Amino acid sequence: MTQQRVIELSSLPMEPISHVYIMTSARNGTPYTGVTTHLARRVWEHREGIVEGFTKRYGVNRLVWFEEHATIIEAISREKQIKRWRRHGKSRS
């Protein structure tokens, strides 16, 4: 005889909270928009210069804004929307 297992949805692992964030090099400085599932670690990586590329080259190390999303797909969609804003719009969010 085969046993059936009932799995409650609350017992299944949930997707981690995703974040869209904006960092700058200084107040009203060079903006950088990114997405991550581990905001604290990602900000630390930018501040320590571990991340090669734009943020390290321009000294982007100040978190100025972030928002949470239930899925990474939602976060990426929002990131793309923000990246279409003009620089002036980013600094006013």
Protein backbone atom coordinates (compact mmCIF):
# COMPACT_ATOMS: atom_id res chain seq x y z
CA MET A 1 0.00 0.00 0.00
CA THR A 2 1.33 3.43 -0.99
CA GLN A 3 1.27 6.25 1.51
CA GLN A 4 0.35 9.71 0.38
CA ARG A 5 2.10 12.70 1.86
CA VAL A 6 0.35 15.99 2.16
CA ILE A 7 2.69 18.94 1.96
CA GLU A 8 1.42 22.25 3.21
CA LEU A 9 2.41 25.26 1.12
CA SER A 10 3.73 27.01 4.22
CA SER A 11 6.33 24.24 4.65
CA LEU A 12 7.82 24.73 1.17
CA PRO A 13 10.89 26.94 0.87
CA MET A 14 10.00 30.44 -0.23
CA GLU A 15 11.86 32.42 -2.84
CA PRO A 16 14.12 34.95 -1.10
CA ILE A 17 13.02 38.57 -1.00
CA SER A 18 14.49 40.46 -3.94
CA HIS A 19 15.60 44.07 -3.81
CA VAL A 20 16.09 46.84 -6.34
CA TYR A 21 18.52 49.44 -5.07
CA ILE A 22 20.19 52.68 -6.04
CA MET A 23 23.67 53.60 -4.86
CA THR A 24 25.70 56.73 -5.56
CA SER A 25 29.28 57.93 -5.30
CA ALA A 26 28.24 60.93 -3.17
CA ARG A 27 25.19 63.09 -2.49
CA ASN A 28 23.70 63.71 -5.95
CA GLY A 29 26.65 61.76 -7.38
CA THR A 30 26.92 59.05 -10.01
CA PRO A 31 23.88 56.74 -9.64
CA TYR A 32 23.96 52.96 -9.99
CA THR A 33 20.83 50.80 -10.06
CA GLY A 34 21.03 47.11 -9.25
CA VAL A 35 19.04 44.07 -8.15
CA THR A 36 19.91 41.41 -5.57
CA THR A 37 18.44 38.77 -3.26
CA HIS A 38 20.86 39.70 -0.46
CA LEU A 39 20.92 43.47 -0.03
CA ALA A 40 23.25 43.75 2.97
CA ARG A 41 25.92 41.55 1.35
CA ARG A 42 25.64 43.36 -1.99
CA VAL A 43 26.01 46.81 -0.42
CA TRP A 44 29.03 45.56 1.53
CA GLU A 45 30.59 44.23 -1.69
CA HIS A 46 30.16 47.62 -3.37
CA ARG A 47 31.58 49.51 -0.36
CA GLU A 48 34.60 47.23 -0.11
CA GLY A 49 35.34 47.52 -3.84
CA ILE A 50 34.95 43.77 -4.36
CA VAL A 51 32.64 44.25 -7.34
CA GLU A 52 34.64 45.02 -10.49
CA GLY A 53 33.22 47.41 -13.05
CA PHE A 54 31.16 50.59 -12.90
CA THR A 55 30.71 50.83 -9.13
CA LYS A 56 34.38 50.32 -8.35
CA ARG A 57 35.55 52.60 -11.17
CA TYR A 58 33.29 55.49 -10.06
CA GLY A 59 33.47 54.94 -6.30
CA VAL A 60 29.78 54.13 -5.96
CA ASN A 61 29.40 53.12 -2.30
CA ARG A 62 26.39 54.90 -0.75
CA LEU A 63 23.01 53.16 -0.61
CA VAL A 64 20.42 55.89 -1.13
CA TRP A 65 17.25 53.90 -1.89
CA PHE A 66 15.85 50.36 -2.12
CA GLU A 67 12.55 48.54 -2.45
CA GLU A 68 11.50 44.93 -1.86
CA HIS A 69 9.85 42.59 -4.35
CA ALA A 70 8.38 39.12 -3.88
CA THR A 71 10.23 37.63 -6.86
CA ILE A 72 13.44 38.26 -8.75
CA ILE A 73 11.40 38.65 -11.96
CA GLU A 74 9.46 41.56 -10.41
CA ALA A 75 12.69 43.13 -9.16
CA ILE A 76 14.38 42.89 -12.57
CA SER A 77 11.33 44.41 -14.25
CA ARG A 78 11.40 47.33 -11.80
CA GLU A 79 15.17 47.74 -12.26
CA LYS A 80 14.68 48.05 -16.02
CA GLN A 81 11.94 50.63 -15.47
CA ILE A 82 14.20 52.69 -13.21
CA LYS A 83 17.13 52.47 -15.64
CA ARG A 84 14.94 54.14 -18.26
CA TRP A 85 14.53 57.19 -16.02
CA ARG A 86 16.74 60.15 -16.66
CA ARG A 87 19.50 60.74 -14.15
CA HIS A 88 17.58 63.66 -12.68
CA GLY A 89 14.63 61.39 -11.96
CA LYS A 90 16.81 58.86 -10.17
CA SER A 91 18.19 61.44 -7.78
CA ARG A 92 14.70 62.55 -6.77
CA SER A 93 13.25 59.11 -5.92
